[in-house]
């Protein structure tokens, strides 16, 4: 089976650690992910490995121009 991926990642990978405060946490970007062409999984590249206790979260990348209308950007 041949699996290919696009050149740009579609998801970012984060290590999330709880802070001393129960209501907040710190997010550290540690890599990226791309869907496989067959749609049955992802290819993952980690640039950092979390040490210690952290949750791993994979989030879809938001477009950079999102919300420009409200801030006086392109309309």
PDB file of N, CA and C in Angstrom:
ATOM      1  N   UNK A   1       0.839  -1.163   0.000  1.00  0.00           N
ATOM      2  CA  UNK A   1       0.000   0.000   0.000  1.00  0.00           C
ATOM      3  C   UNK A   1       0.894   1.239   0.000  1.00  0.00           C
ATOM      4  N   UNK A   2       0.606   2.184  -0.917  1.00  0.00           N
ATOM      5  CA  UNK A   2       1.354   3.429  -0.976  1.00  0.00           C
ATOM      6  C   UNK A   2       0.555   4.527  -0.301  1.00  0.00           C
ATOM      7  N   UNK A   3       1.209   5.253   0.596  1.00  0.00           N
ATOM      8  CA  UNK A   3       0.561   6.349   1.318  1.00  0.00           C
ATOM      9  C   UNK A   3       1.341   7.612   1.027  1.00  0.00           C
ATOM     10  N   UNK A   4       0.625   8.668   0.616  1.00  0.00           N
ATOM     11  CA  UNK A   4       1.282   9.940   0.373  1.00  0.00           C
ATOM     12  C   UNK A   4       0.665  11.007   1.258  1.00  0.00           C
ATOM     13  N   UNK A   5       1.348  12.115   1.365  1.00  0.00           N
ATOM     14  CA  UNK A   5       0.846  13.203   2.182  1.00  0.00           C
ATOM     15  C   UNK A   5       1.085  14.517   1.456  1.00  0.00           C
ATOM     16  N   UNK A   6       0.304  15.540   1.804  1.00  0.00           N
ATOM     17  CA  UNK A   6       0.497  16.848   1.204  1.00  0.00           C
ATOM     18  C   UNK A   6       1.763  17.484   1.770  1.00  0.00           C
ATOM     19  N   UNK A   7       2.214  18.568   1.135  1.00  0.00           N
ATOM     20  CA  UNK A   7       3.428  19.231   1.599  1.00  0.00           C
ATOM     21  C   UNK A   7       3.184  20.069   2.838  1.00  0.00           C
ATOM     22  N   UNK A   8       1.968  20.577   3.014  1.00  0.00           N
ATOM     23  CA  UNK A   8       1.663  21.407   4.172  1.00  0.00           C
ATOM     24  C   UNK A   8       0.876  20.607   5.203  1.00  0.00           C
ATOM     25  N   UNK A   9       1.215  20.758   6.480  1.00  0.00           N
ATOM     26  CA  UNK A   9       0.458  20.037   7.513  1.00  0.00           C
ATOM     27  C   UNK A   9      -0.947  20.603   7.646  1.00  0.00           C
ATOM     28  N   UNK A  10      -1.877  19.769   8.029  1.00  0.00           N
ATOM     29  CA  UNK A  10      -3.262  20.186   8.253  1.00  0.00           C
ATOM     30  C   UNK A  10      -3.572  20.314   9.734  1.00  0.00           C
ATOM     31  N   UNK A  11      -2.715  19.752  10.586  1.00  0.00           N
ATOM     32  CA  UNK A  11      -2.925  19.768  12.030  1.00  0.00           C
ATOM     33  C   UNK A  11      -1.616  20.099  12.744  1.00  0.00           C
ATOM     34  N   UNK A  12      -1.735  20.748  13.898  1.00  0.00           N
ATOM     35  CA  UNK A  12      -0.584  21.000  14.762  1.00  0.00           C
ATOM     36  C   UNK A  12      -0.705  20.104  15.991  1.00  0.00           C
ATOM     37  N   UNK A  13       0.440  19.712  16.526  1.00  0.00           N
ATOM     38  CA  UNK A  13       0.465  18.839  17.695  1.00  0.00           C
ATOM     39  C   UNK A  13       1.033  19.623  18.869  1.00  0.00           C
ATOM     40  N   UNK A  14       0.351  19.532  20.006  1.00  0.00           N
ATOM     41  CA  UNK A  14       0.741  20.272  21.199  1.00  0.00           C
ATOM     42  C   UNK A  14       0.903  19.333  22.392  1.00  0.00           C
ATOM     43  N   UNK A  15       1.830  19.683  23.287  1.00  0.00           N
ATOM     44  CA  UNK A  15       1.917  19.062  24.602  1.00  0.00           C
ATOM     45  C   UNK A  15       1.288  20.066  25.559  1.00  0.00           C
ATOM     46  N   UNK A  16       0.301  19.622  26.327  1.00  0.00           N
ATOM     47  CA  UNK A  16      -0.421  20.520  27.228  1.00  0.00           C
ATOM     48  C   UNK A  16      -0.145  20.100  28.661  1.00  0.00           C
ATOM     49  N   UNK A  17       0.343  21.067  29.433  1.00  0.00           N
ATOM     50  CA  UNK A  17       0.650  20.809  30.846  1.00  0.00           C
ATOM     51  C   UNK A  17      -0.186  21.709  31.727  1.00  0.00           C
ATOM     52  N   UNK A  18      -0.731  21.131  32.782  1.00  0.00           N
ATOM     53  CA  UNK A  18      -1.489  21.915  33.747  1.00  0.00           C
ATOM     54  C   UNK A  18      -0.524  22.759  34.565  1.00  0.00           C
ATOM     55  N   UNK A  19      -0.940  23.987  34.882  1.00  0.00           N
ATOM     56  CA  UNK A  19      -0.129  24.863  35.722  1.00  0.00           C
ATOM     57  C   UNK A  19      -0.563  24.684  37.165  1.00  0.00           C
ATOM     58  N   UNK A  20       0.015  25.459  38.053  1.00  0.00           N
ATOM     59  CA  UNK A  20      -0.352  25.380  39.464  1.00  0.00           C
ATOM     60  C   UNK A  20      -1.823  25.701  39.669  1.00  0.00           C
ATOM     61  N   UNK A  21      -2.336  26.595  38.838  1.00  0.00           N
ATOM     62  CA  UNK A  21      -3.752  26.947  38.904  1.00  0.00           C
ATOM     63  C   UNK A  21      -4.558  25.860  38.203  1.00  0.00           C
ATOM     64  N   UNK A  22      -5.598  25.374  38.826  1.00  0.00           N
ATOM     65  CA  UNK A  22      -6.437  24.321  38.240  1.00  0.00           C
ATOM     66  C   UNK A  22      -7.124  24.766  36.959  1.00  0.00           C
ATOM     67  N   UNK A  23      -7.326  26.094  36.803  1.00  0.00           N
ATOM     68  CA  UNK A  23      -8.110  26.582  35.677  1.00  0.00           C
ATOM     69  C   UNK A  23      -7.277  26.935  34.443  1.00  0.00           C
ATOM     70  N   UNK A  24      -5.965  26.758  34.484  1.00  0.00           N
ATOM     71  CA  UNK A  24      -5.167  27.113  33.315  1.00  0.00           C
ATOM     72  C   UNK A  24      -4.142  26.033  33.008  1.00  0.00           C
ATOM     73  N   UNK A  25      -3.622  26.106  31.786  1.00  0.00           N
ATOM     74  CA  UNK A  25      -2.599  25.160  31.357  1.00  0.00           C
ATOM     75  C   UNK A  25      -1.713  25.852  30.329  1.00  0.00           C
ATOM     76  N   UNK A  26      -0.561  25.254  30.057  1.00  0.00           N
ATOM     77  CA  UNK A  26       0.378  25.791  29.070  1.00  0.00           C
ATOM     78  C   UNK A  26       0.444  24.856  27.883  1.00  0.00           C
ATOM     79  N   UNK A  27       0.374  25.433  26.687  1.00  0.00           N
ATOM     80  CA  UNK A  27       0.406  24.672  25.450  1.00  0.00           C
ATOM     81  C   UNK A  27       1.745  24.901  24.764  1.00  0.00           C
ATOM     82  N   UNK A  28       2.407  23.815  24.374  1.00  0.00           N
ATOM     83  CA  UNK A  28       3.680  23.879  23.678  1.00  0.00           C
ATOM     84  C   UNK A  28       3.539  23.166  22.340  1.00  0.00           C
ATOM     85  N   UNK A  29       3.797  23.874  21.236  1.00  0.00           N
ATOM     86  CA  UNK A  29       3.722  23.228  19.924  1.00  0.00           C
ATOM     87  C   UNK A  29       4.920  22.297  19.774  1.00  0.00           C
ATOM     88  N   UNK A  30       4.641  21.032  19.458  1.00  0.00           N
ATOM     89  CA  UNK A  30       5.725  20.051  19.384  1.00  0.00           C
ATOM     90  C   UNK A  30       5.796  19.329  18.044  1.00  0.00           C
ATOM     91  N   UNK A  31       4.876  19.633  17.105  1.00  0.00           N
ATOM     92  CA  UNK A  31       4.943  18.944  15.825  1.00  0.00           C
ATOM     93  C   UNK A  31       3.756  19.233  14.935  1.00  0.00           C
ATOM     94  N   UNK A  32       3.640  18.424  13.869  1.00  0.00           N
ATOM     95  CA  UNK A  32       2.582  18.608  12.875  1.00  0.00           C
ATOM     96  C   UNK A  32       2.114  17.251  12.372  1.00  0.00           C
ATOM     97  N   UNK A  33       0.922  17.253  11.735  1.00  0.00           N
ATOM     98  CA  UNK A  33       0.359  16.008  11.196  1.00  0.00           C
ATOM     99  C   UNK A  33      -0.310  16.282   9.853  1.00  0.00           C
ATOM    100  N   UNK A  34      -0.293  15.266   8.994  1.00  0.00           N
ATOM    101  CA  UNK A  34      -0.906  15.305   7.679  1.00  0.00           C
ATOM    102  C   UNK A  34      -1.779  14.070   7.520  1.00  0.00           C
ATOM    103  N   UNK A  35      -2.978  14.214   6.920  1.00  0.00           N
ATOM    104  CA  UNK A  35      -3.784  13.013   6.669  1.00  0.00           C
ATOM    105  C   UNK A  35      -3.156  12.187   5.543  1.00  0.00           C
ATOM    106  N   UNK A  36      -3.230  10.876   5.663  1.00  0.00           N
ATOM    107  CA  UNK A  36      -2.775   9.997   4.598  1.00  0.00           C
ATOM    108  C   UNK A  36      -3.755  10.061   3.439  1.00  0.00           C
ATOM    109  N   UNK A  37      -3.263   9.837   2.260  1.00  0.00           N
ATOM    110  CA  UNK A  37      -4.087   9.930   1.043  1.00  0.00           C
ATOM    111  C   UNK A  37      -5.279   8.987   1.102  1.00  0.00           C
ATOM    112  N   UNK A  38      -5.110   7.821   1.724  1.00  0.00           N
ATOM    113  CA  UNK A  38      -6.218   6.874   1.803  1.00  0.00           C
ATOM    114  C   UNK A  38      -7.252   7.259   2.867  1.00  0.00           C
ATOM    115  N   UNK A  39      -6.986   8.325   3.633  1.00  0.00           N
ATOM    116  CA  UNK A  39      -7.941   8.812   4.627  1.00  0.00           C
ATOM    117  C   UNK A  39      -8.061   7.964   5.876  1.00  0.00           C
ATOM    118  N   UNK A  40      -7.161   7.008   6.069  1.00  0.00           N
ATOM    119  CA  UNK A  40      -7.278   6.092   7.205  1.00  0.00           C
ATOM    120  C   UNK A  40      -6.287   6.362   8.323  1.00  0.00           C
ATOM    121  N   UNK A  41      -5.622   7.497   8.277  1.00  0.00           N
ATOM    122  CA  UNK A  41      -4.675   7.795   9.341  1.00  0.00           C
ATOM    123  C   UNK A  41      -3.919   9.077   9.056  1.00  0.00           C
ATOM    124  N   UNK A  42      -2.913   9.346   9.873  1.00  0.00           N
ATOM    125  CA  UNK A  42      -2.108  10.552   9.759  1.00  0.00           C
ATOM    126  C   UNK A  42      -0.633  10.199   9.784  1.00  0.00           C
ATOM    127  N   UNK A  43       0.157  11.016   9.100  1.00  0.00           N
ATOM    128  CA  UNK A  43       1.600  10.976   9.260  1.00  0.00           C
ATOM    129  C   UNK A  43       1.939  12.076  10.247  1.00  0.00           C
ATOM    130  N   UNK A  44       2.822  11.782  11.198  1.00  0.00           N
ATOM    131  CA  UNK A  44       3.138  12.708  12.278  1.00  0.00           C
ATOM    132  C   UNK A  44       4.626  12.983  12.287  1.00  0.00           C
ATOM    133  N   UNK A  45       4.979  14.276  12.458  1.00  0.00           N
ATOM    134  CA  UNK A  45       6.382  14.654  12.634  1.00  0.00           C
ATOM    135  C   UNK A  45       6.481  15.456  13.914  1.00  0.00           C
ATOM    136  N   UNK A  46       7.255  14.946  14.866  1.00  0.00           N
ATOM    137  CA  UNK A  46       7.468  15.640  16.130  1.00  0.00           C
ATOM    138  C   UNK A  46       8.813  16.343  16.082  1.00  0.00           C
ATOM    139  N   UNK A  47       8.811  17.631  16.444  1.00  0.00           N
ATOM    140  CA  UNK A  47      10.052  18.392  16.500  1.00  0.00           C
ATOM    141  C   UNK A  47      10.601  18.429  17.922  1.00  0.00           C
ATOM    142  N   UNK A  48       9.739  18.161  18.897  1.00  0.00           N
ATOM    143  CA  UNK A  48      10.123  18.080  20.308  1.00  0.00           C
ATOM    144  C   UNK A  48       9.394  16.912  20.942  1.00  0.00           C
ATOM    145  N   UNK A  49       9.993  16.322  21.957  1.00  0.00           N
ATOM    146  CA  UNK A  49       9.343  15.254  22.711  1.00  0.00           C
ATOM    147  C   UNK A  49       9.086  15.763  24.123  1.00  0.00           C
ATOM    148  N   UNK A  50       7.829  15.686  24.590  1.00  0.00           N
ATOM    149  CA  UNK A  50       7.559  16.141  25.948  1.00  0.00           C
ATOM    150  C   UNK A  50       8.214  15.220  26.979  1.00  0.00           C
ATOM    151  N   UNK A  51       8.708  15.825  28.037  1.00  0.00           N
ATOM    152  CA  UNK A  51       9.302  15.081  29.144  1.00  0.00           C
ATOM    153  C   UNK A  51       8.401  15.298  30.349  1.00  0.00           C
ATOM    154  N   UNK A  52       8.011  14.236  30.995  1.00  0.00           N
ATOM    155  CA  UNK A  52       7.128  14.359  32.146  1.00  0.00           C
ATOM    156  C   UNK A  52       5.669  14.220  31.744  1.00  0.00           C
ATOM    157  N   UNK A  53       4.808  14.679  32.618  1.00  0.00           N
ATOM    158  CA  UNK A  53       3.379  14.514  32.448  1.00  0.00           C
ATOM    159  C   UNK A  53       2.805  15.602  31.546  1.00  0.00           C
ATOM    160  N   UNK A  54       2.264  15.221  30.386  1.00  0.00           N
ATOM    161  CA  UNK A  54       1.633  16.169  29.467  1.00  0.00           C
ATOM    162  C   UNK A  54       0.588  15.436  28.644  1.00  0.00           C
ATOM    163  N   UNK A  55      -0.501  16.120  28.347  1.00  0.00           N
ATOM    164  CA  UNK A  55      -1.491  15.589  27.417  1.00  0.00           C
ATOM    165  C   UNK A  55      -1.065  15.974  26.012  1.00  0.00           C
ATOM    166  N   UNK A  56      -1.244  15.083  25.038  1.00  0.00           N
ATOM    167  CA  UNK A  56      -0.947  15.385  23.649  1.00  0.00           C
ATOM    168  C   UNK A  56      -2.265  15.735  22.963  1.00  0.00           C
ATOM    169  N   UNK A  57      -2.293  16.916  22.307  1.00  0.00           N
ATOM    170  CA  UNK A  57      -3.500  17.403  21.646  1.00  0.00           C
ATOM    171  C   UNK A  57      -3.167  17.684  20.184  1.00  0.00           C
ATOM    172  N   UNK A  58      -4.010  17.196  19.273  1.00  0.00           N
ATOM    173  CA  UNK A  58      -3.846  17.452  17.848  1.00  0.00           C
ATOM    174  C   UNK A  58      -5.010  18.322  17.408  1.00  0.00           C
ATOM    175  N   UNK A  59      -4.688  19.515  16.868  1.00  0.00           N
ATOM    176  CA  UNK A  59      -5.711  20.485  16.477  1.00  0.00           C
ATOM    177  C   UNK A  59      -5.561  20.860  15.011  1.00  0.00           C
ATOM    178  N   UNK A  60      -6.698  21.026  14.339  1.00  0.00           N
ATOM    179  CA  UNK A  60      -6.705  21.477  12.958  1.00  0.00           C
ATOM    180  C   UNK A  60      -6.118  22.886  12.893  1.00  0.00           C
ATOM    181  N   UNK A  61      -5.318  23.162  11.866  1.00  0.00           N
ATOM    182  CA  UNK A  61      -4.715  24.480  11.714  1.00  0.00           C
ATOM    183  C   UNK A  61      -5.781  25.453  11.231  1.00  0.00           C
ATOM    184  N   UNK A  62      -5.902  26.582  11.929  1.00  0.00           N
ATOM    185  CA  UNK A  62      -6.850  27.632  11.558  1.00  0.00           C
ATOM    186  C   UNK A  62      -6.242  28.508  10.466  1.00  0.00           C
ATOM    187  N   UNK A  63      -7.066  28.980   9.520  1.00  0.00           N
ATOM    188  CA  UNK A  63      -6.542  29.915   8.509  1.00  0.00           C
ATOM    189  C   UNK A  63      -6.003  31.178   9.176  1.00  0.00           C
ATOM    190  N   UNK A  64      -4.889  31.700   8.677  1.00  0.00           N
ATOM    191  CA  UNK A  64      -4.258  32.873   9.284  1.00  0.00           C
ATOM    192  C   UNK A  64      -5.080  34.140   9.135  1.00  0.00           C
ATOM    193  N   UNK A  65      -5.904  34.239   8.087  1.00  0.00           N
ATOM    194  CA  UNK A  65      -6.666  35.460   7.861  1.00  0.00           C
ATOM    195  C   UNK A  65      -8.028  35.444   8.543  1.00  0.00           C
ATOM    196  N   UNK A  66      -8.283  34.455   9.359  1.00  0.00           N
ATOM    197  CA  UNK A  66      -9.566  34.364  10.051  1.00  0.00           C
ATOM    198  C   UNK A  66      -9.730  35.562  10.993  1.00  0.00           C
ATOM    199  N   UNK A  67     -10.864  36.254  10.894  1.00  0.00           N
ATOM    200  CA  UNK A  67     -11.160  37.368  11.788  1.00  0.00           C
ATOM    201  C   UNK A  67     -10.620  38.700  11.326  1.00  0.00           C
ATOM    202  N   UNK A  68     -10.065  38.811  10.120  1.00  0.00           N
ATOM    203  CA  UNK A  68      -9.545  40.092   9.666  1.00  0.00           C
ATOM    204  C   UNK A  68     -10.640  41.133   9.487  1.00  0.00           C
ATOM    205  N   UNK A  69     -11.844  40.729   9.094  1.00  0.00           N
ATOM    206  CA  UNK A  69     -12.934  41.681   8.899  1.00  0.00           C
ATOM    207  C   UNK A  69     -13.223  42.469  10.169  1.00  0.00           C
ATOM    208  N   UNK A  70     -13.213  41.820  11.299  1.00  0.00           N
ATOM    209  CA  UNK A  70     -13.533  42.471  12.570  1.00  0.00           C
ATOM    210  C   UNK A  70     -12.405  43.389  13.033  1.00  0.00           C
ATOM    211  N   UNK A  71     -11.192  43.196  12.497  1.00  0.00           N
ATOM    212  CA  UNK A  71     -10.059  43.991  12.960  1.00  0.00           C
ATOM    213  C   UNK A  71      -9.595  45.003  11.912  1.00  0.00           C
ATOM    214  N   UNK A  72     -10.465  45.299  10.950  1.00  0.00           N
ATOM    215  CA  UNK A  72     -10.092  46.284   9.938  1.00  0.00           C
ATOM    216  C   UNK A  72      -9.227  45.745   8.832  1.00  0.00           C
ATOM    217  N   UNK A  73      -9.202  44.449   8.656  1.00  0.00           N
ATOM    218  CA  UNK A  73      -8.406  43.833   7.605  1.00  0.00           C
ATOM    219  C   UNK A  73      -9.166  43.780   6.303  1.00  0.00           C
ATOM    220  N   UNK A  74      -8.756  42.902   5.422  1.00  0.00           N
ATOM    221  CA  UNK A  74      -9.394  42.770   4.098  1.00  0.00           C
ATOM    222  C   UNK A  74     -10.858  42.446   4.234  1.00  0.00           C
ATOM    223  N   UNK A  75     -11.675  43.057   3.366  1.00  0.00           N
ATOM    224  CA  UNK A  75     -13.114  42.829   3.406  1.00  0.00           C
ATOM    225  C   UNK A  75     -13.627  42.277   2.127  1.00  0.00           C
TER     226      UNK A  75
END
